Each structure stands twice: as C-alpha cells, then as structure tokens.
Amino acid sequence: MQSDKLSGIILCGGRSRRMGRPKALLPFGPQTLLERMTGLLGQACGELVIVAAAEQELPPLPPGVRVVYDSQVARGPLEGLRAGLASLSEDCQSVYLTGCDAPLLRPALVRQVARLLGAHQAAAPRIAGYLQPLSAVYRLDVLPIIERLLAGEHRALVDLLRSIDTRAVDPHELIGADPQLQSFRNLNTPDDYLAALAEAGFEPPPDILAFWQKPA
C-alpha cells in the first residue's frame, strides 16, 4: 500500500568514487540499482522524484517518475534535497529521502518512519547511535531552512536535522517492518555491492567483475 501524501526523493548525483562505476547504472538482478529503488520506493510513496547531476546518464524509468537536477554543483546532498522538495506537488505532505544505493530497502520501513513523524519536521532513524538523514522523512516546510543553510555554506543533511524539530527513531521501533534493518545497507564499495547481490539471490554480472579485476 502506498500513501499519496508521502512522496519519495532518490538522490543519485554522487560521484561513486569508491565504487568506481556510476551506482545508478549498476545491474541488480534484471534491473539497474536506480530502477530497483524506484520500484521499491514506489510501493510506499505516491510521487517519486529523482535528483541527478547535470548531464548524468540515467536508465529508463517508469512513467510518472520525474527527474530534476541540482541547480548548483558541489553543494552536496542538502542541495539534492532542496531540488527535490522544490519540485513536489502542493498536496504532498512529507517526503522519504534515500540514495540510489539501498537495494535492500523495505517499503514497510518507509511507511513506518512516516507514521512516526507525527507533528515533527523530520523523523530520522538512529542506527548505532547515529541519525540516518538519507533514510529519513521530512516535511515540506523545511525547504526555507535548507535554503538558509545552503546560503551559509552548509552541505550536510545532518546540519538540517540539527536545525529542525527532528524525531529520532530507534531500532526497536523499526524491526517489525525490517527485522534485520537491511534498509540501511548502502552500497559504497564493490564488496558492498557483491554482498547485497548475494543476499538478494542474484549473481554478479561477469562484465562488472571483469571491470573490477582488471589491473589498475
């Protein structure tokens, strides 16, 4: 079940330095990572927005998924959230933010974090003592605060969470929706990617393995 009032934003404009290849285009079973993320998030959200870097190559996306771009480069994920929020329809009430590299995301976890938002401006899971701003739900009224932070040269999403009324969500509130908390597995390195493929029951593509195994 999805909520028409909860939207989803997927950030995919990072440089993927540690991965060595664009994450959004990496195969994950029969799909790319970005295609898989739109499918998973679309089960919980009524409106989906992809935030990409200028001239970034993207895979084919489902009808209705909108792509927007950072208005300025080198302003980090906070700029990505700003661009995504600014593009949402007026009837959207809140948004779940994620990257394109969390292919074990559980839609039930997205809905649970949204339920725990209450009257707060954000609800962010707190895993191993740290807030997870890329697995959080934000209200649209944080947009002016983001713009002020960016004007002050802030780039990090955690700066936003510290500046607003954030509801920290502890693991025990989430295990009913995601018992192993796999939704928080981000793929930053080839080893991360291969481990997630194995957990999802997929074989690594031979050409991807060959790319990583070739001499530097």
Foldseek 3Di string as FASTA:
>chain_A
DEDAQEEEEAEQADPLVQAVDRQQQFDQFPGGLQQLVCVQQVVHYNAYEYEYAPPDDHDDHDPRYYYDYQPDPPLAVLSSVLRVLVPDDPSHFKYFAAYSFQNVAFSLLLVLLVVPCPPWQKEFEQDPNRTDLRGMMGGSVCNVVSVVCVVVVDRDSVVSCVVTRYHYHYPVSRCVRPVVPSSPQGDSHPVSVCVVSVVVPHDRDPVSVVVVPDDD
